[in-house]
Amino acid sequence: MSTHVAKPEHEVAYQELNELVKRHAGHLTPIEILAIAANMVGKIIAMQDQRTTTTDMAMEIVKANIEMGNQQVLAQLEQSQGRG
């Protein structure tokens, strides 16, 4: 199975989602934001066509993209710390 990861062209959608989160972030804790995002991912997994995407396949996609997102943020933090 080929794992699908977010591509550079998906950055626009990410930025739009990020702006939506920022609008609500003032009255939510980081843990609450994480819970909301995880709940949304669970709902999106449930909406997959079970004939083409099993739960295991969906979870592999989620895992790969969580790891990629973590690596991207760590790289950004490392670059910003190096500029001080």
N, C-alpha and C. Protein backbone atom coordinates (compact mmCIF):
# COMPACT_ATOMS: atom_id res chain seq x y z
N MET A 1 0.84 -1.18 0.00
CA MET A 1 0.00 0.00 0.00
C MET A 1 0.89 1.25 0.00
N SER A 2 0.53 2.17 -0.81
CA SER A 2 1.23 3.46 -0.87
C SER A 2 0.57 4.40 0.15
N THR A 3 1.37 4.89 1.10
CA THR A 3 0.83 5.80 2.11
C THR A 3 0.72 7.19 1.53
N HIS A 4 -0.44 7.79 1.70
CA HIS A 4 -0.67 9.14 1.20
C HIS A 4 -0.25 10.15 2.26
N VAL A 5 0.60 11.06 1.87
CA VAL A 5 1.02 12.12 2.78
C VAL A 5 0.65 13.45 2.16
N ALA A 6 0.48 14.43 3.03
CA ALA A 6 0.16 15.77 2.56
C ALA A 6 1.29 16.27 1.67
N LYS A 7 0.90 16.90 0.60
CA LYS A 7 1.86 17.41 -0.38
C LYS A 7 1.96 18.92 -0.25
N PRO A 8 3.01 19.51 -0.80
CA PRO A 8 3.15 20.98 -0.72
C PRO A 8 1.92 21.72 -1.23
N GLU A 9 1.26 21.20 -2.25
CA GLU A 9 0.07 21.88 -2.77
C GLU A 9 -1.12 21.83 -1.80
N HIS A 10 -1.05 21.02 -0.77
CA HIS A 10 -2.10 20.97 0.25
C HIS A 10 -1.92 22.05 1.31
N GLU A 11 -0.82 22.78 1.24
CA GLU A 11 -0.51 23.81 2.24
C GLU A 11 -1.61 24.88 2.30
N VAL A 12 -2.22 25.21 1.18
CA VAL A 12 -3.29 26.23 1.17
C VAL A 12 -4.45 25.77 2.05
N ALA A 13 -4.87 24.52 1.90
CA ALA A 13 -5.96 24.00 2.73
C ALA A 13 -5.56 23.99 4.20
N TYR A 14 -4.30 23.60 4.48
CA TYR A 14 -3.82 23.61 5.86
C TYR A 14 -3.88 25.01 6.44
N GLN A 15 -3.41 25.99 5.69
CA GLN A 15 -3.40 27.37 6.19
C GLN A 15 -4.82 27.87 6.47
N GLU A 16 -5.78 27.52 5.62
CA GLU A 16 -7.17 27.92 5.85
C GLU A 16 -7.73 27.25 7.11
N LEU A 17 -7.42 25.97 7.31
CA LEU A 17 -7.85 25.30 8.53
C LEU A 17 -7.19 25.92 9.75
N ASN A 18 -5.92 26.28 9.62
CA ASN A 18 -5.18 26.90 10.71
C ASN A 18 -5.82 28.23 11.11
N GLU A 19 -6.26 29.01 10.14
CA GLU A 19 -6.93 30.29 10.43
C GLU A 19 -8.24 30.05 11.19
N LEU A 20 -8.96 29.01 10.82
CA LEU A 20 -10.20 28.66 11.52
C LEU A 20 -9.91 28.29 12.98
N VAL A 21 -8.88 27.50 13.19
CA VAL A 21 -8.49 27.12 14.55
C VAL A 21 -8.11 28.37 15.35
N LYS A 22 -7.36 29.27 14.75
CA LYS A 22 -6.94 30.49 15.44
C LYS A 22 -8.13 31.32 15.90
N ARG A 23 -9.20 31.33 15.09
CA ARG A 23 -10.40 32.11 15.47
C ARG A 23 -11.03 31.58 16.76
N HIS A 24 -10.87 30.30 17.03
CA HIS A 24 -11.47 29.69 18.22
C HIS A 24 -10.46 29.46 19.34
N ALA A 25 -9.20 29.64 19.06
CA ALA A 25 -8.13 29.29 20.01
C ALA A 25 -8.17 30.13 21.28
N GLY A 26 -8.73 31.32 21.22
CA GLY A 26 -8.74 32.19 22.39
C GLY A 26 -9.49 31.62 23.58
N HIS A 27 -10.47 30.79 23.32
CA HIS A 27 -11.25 30.22 24.43
C HIS A 27 -11.08 28.70 24.55
N LEU A 28 -10.06 28.16 23.87
CA LEU A 28 -9.77 26.73 23.96
C LEU A 28 -8.33 26.52 24.42
N THR A 29 -8.12 25.47 25.20
CA THR A 29 -6.76 25.10 25.58
C THR A 29 -6.14 24.29 24.44
N PRO A 30 -4.82 24.19 24.41
CA PRO A 30 -4.19 23.34 23.39
C PRO A 30 -4.70 21.90 23.43
N ILE A 31 -4.97 21.38 24.61
CA ILE A 31 -5.50 20.01 24.73
C ILE A 31 -6.88 19.92 24.12
N GLU A 32 -7.71 20.94 24.31
CA GLU A 32 -9.04 20.94 23.71
C GLU A 32 -8.95 20.99 22.18
N ILE A 33 -8.02 21.79 21.67
CA ILE A 33 -7.82 21.86 20.21
C ILE A 33 -7.39 20.49 19.69
N LEU A 34 -6.47 19.83 20.40
CA LEU A 34 -6.04 18.49 20.01
C LEU A 34 -7.22 17.52 20.01
N ALA A 35 -8.05 17.59 21.03
CA ALA A 35 -9.21 16.70 21.13
C ALA A 35 -10.18 16.93 19.97
N ILE A 36 -10.41 18.19 19.63
CA ILE A 36 -11.31 18.51 18.51
C ILE A 36 -10.74 17.98 17.20
N ALA A 37 -9.44 18.19 16.99
CA ALA A 37 -8.81 17.72 15.76
C ALA A 37 -8.86 16.20 15.66
N ALA A 38 -8.59 15.52 16.77
CA ALA A 38 -8.62 14.06 16.79
C ALA A 38 -10.04 13.55 16.52
N ASN A 39 -11.03 14.21 17.10
CA ASN A 39 -12.43 13.83 16.87
C ASN A 39 -12.78 13.99 15.40
N MET A 40 -12.32 15.08 14.80
CA MET A 40 -12.58 15.31 13.38
C MET A 40 -11.93 14.23 12.52
N VAL A 41 -10.69 13.86 12.84
CA VAL A 41 -10.01 12.80 12.10
C VAL A 41 -10.79 11.50 12.22
N GLY A 42 -11.27 11.20 13.41
CA GLY A 42 -12.07 9.99 13.60
C GLY A 42 -13.32 9.98 12.73
N LYS A 43 -13.97 11.12 12.64
CA LYS A 43 -15.17 11.23 11.80
C LYS A 43 -14.82 11.08 10.32
N ILE A 44 -13.70 11.67 9.91
CA ILE A 44 -13.28 11.55 8.51
C ILE A 44 -12.94 10.10 8.17
N ILE A 45 -12.31 9.40 9.11
CA ILE A 45 -12.02 7.98 8.90
C ILE A 45 -13.31 7.20 8.73
N ALA A 46 -14.30 7.49 9.55
CA ALA A 46 -15.58 6.78 9.46
C ALA A 46 -16.29 7.02 8.13
N MET A 47 -16.00 8.16 7.49
CA MET A 47 -16.66 8.50 6.22
C MET A 47 -15.96 7.91 5.00
N GLN A 48 -14.83 7.23 5.19
CA GLN A 48 -14.11 6.64 4.06
C GLN A 48 -14.93 5.51 3.45
N ASP A 49 -14.75 5.30 2.18
CA ASP A 49 -15.39 4.19 1.47
C ASP A 49 -14.70 2.90 1.91
N GLN A 50 -15.40 2.10 2.70
CA GLN A 50 -14.81 0.88 3.26
C GLN A 50 -14.43 -0.15 2.19
N ARG A 51 -14.92 0.04 0.98
CA ARG A 51 -14.54 -0.88 -0.11
C ARG A 51 -13.14 -0.59 -0.62
N THR A 52 -12.67 0.64 -0.41
CA THR A 52 -11.35 1.01 -0.93
C THR A 52 -10.36 1.41 0.15
N THR A 53 -10.86 1.79 1.32
CA THR A 53 -9.98 2.25 2.40
C THR A 53 -10.40 1.59 3.71
N THR A 54 -9.58 0.66 4.16
CA THR A 54 -9.87 0.01 5.43
C THR A 54 -9.47 0.93 6.58
N THR A 55 -9.92 0.62 7.77
CA THR A 55 -9.52 1.39 8.94
C THR A 55 -8.01 1.34 9.13
N ASP A 56 -7.41 0.17 8.91
CA ASP A 56 -5.95 0.05 9.04
C ASP A 56 -5.24 0.95 8.03
N MET A 57 -5.74 1.00 6.80
CA MET A 57 -5.13 1.88 5.79
C MET A 57 -5.25 3.34 6.23
N ALA A 58 -6.42 3.71 6.71
CA ALA A 58 -6.64 5.09 7.15
C ALA A 58 -5.71 5.44 8.30
N MET A 59 -5.54 4.53 9.25
CA MET A 59 -4.68 4.79 10.39
C MET A 59 -3.21 4.93 9.97
N GLU A 60 -2.79 4.18 8.96
CA GLU A 60 -1.43 4.33 8.44
C GLU A 60 -1.23 5.73 7.85
N ILE A 61 -2.25 6.23 7.15
CA ILE A 61 -2.19 7.58 6.58
C ILE A 61 -2.10 8.60 7.70
N VAL A 62 -2.93 8.43 8.73
CA VAL A 62 -2.92 9.34 9.87
C VAL A 62 -1.55 9.32 10.54
N LYS A 63 -1.02 8.14 10.80
CA LYS A 63 0.28 8.01 11.46
C LYS A 63 1.38 8.69 10.65
N ALA A 64 1.42 8.43 9.35
CA ALA A 64 2.47 9.02 8.49
C ALA A 64 2.38 10.54 8.49
N ASN A 65 1.16 11.07 8.47
CA ASN A 65 1.00 12.51 8.41
C ASN A 65 1.23 13.19 9.76
N ILE A 66 0.94 12.49 10.85
CA ILE A 66 1.29 13.02 12.16
C ILE A 66 2.81 13.14 12.27
N GLU A 67 3.51 12.09 11.86
CA GLU A 67 4.98 12.11 11.90
C GLU A 67 5.53 13.22 11.01
N MET A 68 4.97 13.38 9.82
CA MET A 68 5.44 14.42 8.92
C MET A 68 5.19 15.80 9.52
N GLY A 69 4.01 16.01 10.08
CA GLY A 69 3.70 17.30 10.70
C GLY A 69 4.64 17.61 11.84
N ASN A 70 4.93 16.62 12.67
CA ASN A 70 5.89 16.82 13.77
C ASN A 70 7.25 17.21 13.23
N GLN A 71 7.72 16.52 12.21
CA GLN A 71 9.03 16.82 11.63
C GLN A 71 9.07 18.23 11.05
N GLN A 72 7.97 18.65 10.39
CA GLN A 72 7.93 19.99 9.81
C GLN A 72 8.02 21.06 10.88
N VAL A 73 7.28 20.90 11.97
CA VAL A 73 7.32 21.89 13.04
C VAL A 73 8.68 21.91 13.72
N LEU A 74 9.25 20.74 13.97
CA LEU A 74 10.57 20.70 14.59
C LEU A 74 11.62 21.38 13.71
N ALA A 75 11.53 21.18 12.40
CA ALA A 75 12.47 21.84 11.48
C ALA A 75 12.27 23.36 11.51
N GLN A 76 11.02 23.81 11.58
CA GLN A 76 10.75 25.25 11.65
C GLN A 76 11.30 25.84 12.95
N LEU A 77 11.11 25.12 14.06
CA LEU A 77 11.62 25.60 15.34
C LEU A 77 13.14 25.65 15.33
N GLU A 78 13.75 24.65 14.76
CA GLU A 78 15.21 24.61 14.69
C GLU A 78 15.74 25.79 13.87
N GLN A 79 15.09 26.10 12.77
CA GLN A 79 15.51 27.24 11.95
C GLN A 79 15.33 28.55 12.68
N SER A 80 14.22 28.71 13.39
CA SER A 80 13.98 29.98 14.09
C SER A 80 14.93 30.16 15.27
N GLN A 81 15.33 29.06 15.94
CA GLN A 81 16.28 29.16 17.04
C GLN A 81 17.67 29.50 16.54
N GLY A 82 17.98 29.09 15.32
CA GLY A 82 19.29 29.36 14.75
C GLY A 82 19.45 30.81 14.31
N ARG A 83 18.36 31.54 14.25
CA ARG A 83 18.41 32.92 13.78
C ARG A 83 18.63 33.93 14.89
N GLY A 84 18.68 33.44 16.15
CA GLY A 84 18.78 34.34 17.31
C GLY A 84 20.09 34.87 17.56
